């Protein structure tokens, strides 16, 4: 996985810095809501 800066990573950080850390270092622990899954 690349650790570069992207628009989605910046938005994750603005929403919650821990969210970005989890998505970068421990992606298996991230739980997306049903609403998020629907939007994707």
N, C-alpha and C. Protein backbone atom coordinates (compact mmCIF):
# COMPACT_ATOMS: atom_id res chain seq x y z
N UNK A 1 0.84 -1.18 0.00
CA UNK A 1 0.00 0.00 0.00
C UNK A 1 0.88 1.24 0.00
N UNK A 2 0.51 2.19 -0.79
CA UNK A 2 1.25 3.44 -0.85
C UNK A 2 0.84 4.35 0.31
N UNK A 3 1.78 5.13 0.79
CA UNK A 3 1.50 6.03 1.90
C UNK A 3 1.49 7.49 1.45
N UNK A 4 1.28 7.71 0.16
CA UNK A 4 1.25 9.07 -0.37
C UNK A 4 -0.02 9.80 0.03
N UNK A 5 -0.04 11.08 -0.23
CA UNK A 5 -1.18 11.92 0.10
C UNK A 5 -2.14 11.93 -1.08
N UNK A 6 -3.41 11.73 -0.79
CA UNK A 6 -4.45 11.78 -1.82
C UNK A 6 -5.64 12.55 -1.26
N UNK A 7 -6.56 12.87 -2.12
CA UNK A 7 -7.75 13.60 -1.69
C UNK A 7 -8.53 12.80 -0.64
N UNK A 8 -8.69 11.51 -0.88
CA UNK A 8 -9.46 10.69 0.07
C UNK A 8 -8.73 10.57 1.41
N UNK A 9 -7.41 10.48 1.39
CA UNK A 9 -6.65 10.42 2.65
C UNK A 9 -6.75 11.74 3.41
N UNK A 10 -6.70 12.84 2.69
CA UNK A 10 -6.83 14.15 3.33
C UNK A 10 -8.22 14.29 3.96
N UNK A 11 -9.25 13.84 3.26
CA UNK A 11 -10.62 13.92 3.80
C UNK A 11 -10.77 13.01 5.01
N UNK A 12 -10.15 11.83 4.98
CA UNK A 12 -10.17 10.94 6.16
C UNK A 12 -9.54 11.65 7.35
N UNK A 13 -8.40 12.29 7.13
CA UNK A 13 -7.70 12.98 8.22
C UNK A 13 -8.53 14.13 8.76
N UNK A 14 -9.17 14.89 7.88
CA UNK A 14 -9.99 16.02 8.34
C UNK A 14 -11.17 15.53 9.16
N UNK A 15 -11.73 14.38 8.80
CA UNK A 15 -12.86 13.83 9.54
C UNK A 15 -12.39 13.31 10.90
N UNK A 16 -11.29 12.57 10.88
CA UNK A 16 -10.78 11.99 12.13
C UNK A 16 -9.35 11.50 11.88
N UNK A 17 -8.35 12.09 12.52
CA UNK A 17 -6.96 11.67 12.31
C UNK A 17 -6.74 10.18 12.58
N UNK A 18 -7.45 9.63 13.55
CA UNK A 18 -7.29 8.20 13.85
C UNK A 18 -7.79 7.34 12.69
N UNK A 19 -8.83 7.81 12.00
CA UNK A 19 -9.36 7.08 10.86
C UNK A 19 -8.27 6.90 9.80
N UNK A 20 -7.53 7.95 9.51
CA UNK A 20 -6.44 7.86 8.54
C UNK A 20 -5.36 6.90 9.03
N UNK A 21 -5.01 6.99 10.30
CA UNK A 21 -4.00 6.08 10.84
C UNK A 21 -4.45 4.64 10.69
N UNK A 22 -5.70 4.36 11.05
CA UNK A 22 -6.21 2.99 10.93
C UNK A 22 -6.22 2.52 9.49
N UNK A 23 -6.70 3.34 8.56
CA UNK A 23 -6.75 2.94 7.16
C UNK A 23 -5.35 2.70 6.60
N UNK A 24 -4.35 3.39 7.12
CA UNK A 24 -2.98 3.25 6.63
C UNK A 24 -2.27 2.06 7.26
N UNK A 25 -2.37 1.92 8.58
CA UNK A 25 -1.57 0.94 9.29
C UNK A 25 -2.32 -0.34 9.69
N UNK A 26 -3.63 -0.25 9.88
CA UNK A 26 -4.42 -1.42 10.30
C UNK A 26 -5.75 -1.48 9.56
N UNK A 27 -5.73 -1.62 8.23
CA UNK A 27 -6.97 -1.58 7.44
C UNK A 27 -7.97 -2.67 7.81
N UNK A 28 -7.50 -3.76 8.39
CA UNK A 28 -8.42 -4.84 8.76
C UNK A 28 -9.33 -4.46 9.93
N UNK A 29 -8.99 -3.41 10.68
CA UNK A 29 -9.79 -2.98 11.83
C UNK A 29 -10.84 -1.94 11.47
N UNK A 30 -10.78 -1.38 10.27
CA UNK A 30 -11.72 -0.34 9.88
C UNK A 30 -13.08 -0.96 9.60
N UNK A 31 -14.12 -0.40 10.21
CA UNK A 31 -15.48 -0.87 9.99
C UNK A 31 -16.26 0.22 9.27
N UNK A 32 -16.65 -0.05 8.03
CA UNK A 32 -17.46 0.90 7.29
C UNK A 32 -18.93 0.63 7.57
N UNK A 33 -19.70 1.69 7.71
CA UNK A 33 -21.12 1.54 7.98
C UNK A 33 -21.86 1.07 6.73
N UNK A 34 -23.09 0.61 6.90
CA UNK A 34 -23.92 0.17 5.77
C UNK A 34 -24.16 1.34 4.83
N UNK A 35 -24.31 2.53 5.37
CA UNK A 35 -24.53 3.73 4.55
C UNK A 35 -23.32 3.98 3.65
N UNK A 36 -22.14 3.84 4.20
CA UNK A 36 -20.92 4.03 3.41
C UNK A 36 -20.84 2.99 2.30
N UNK A 37 -21.13 1.74 2.62
CA UNK A 37 -21.11 0.69 1.62
C UNK A 37 -22.10 0.97 0.49
N UNK A 38 -23.27 1.51 0.83
CA UNK A 38 -24.28 1.82 -0.17
C UNK A 38 -23.77 2.92 -1.10
N UNK A 39 -23.14 3.94 -0.53
CA UNK A 39 -22.62 5.04 -1.36
C UNK A 39 -21.51 4.58 -2.28
N UNK A 40 -20.71 3.63 -1.84
CA UNK A 40 -19.62 3.14 -2.67
C UNK A 40 -20.15 2.27 -3.78
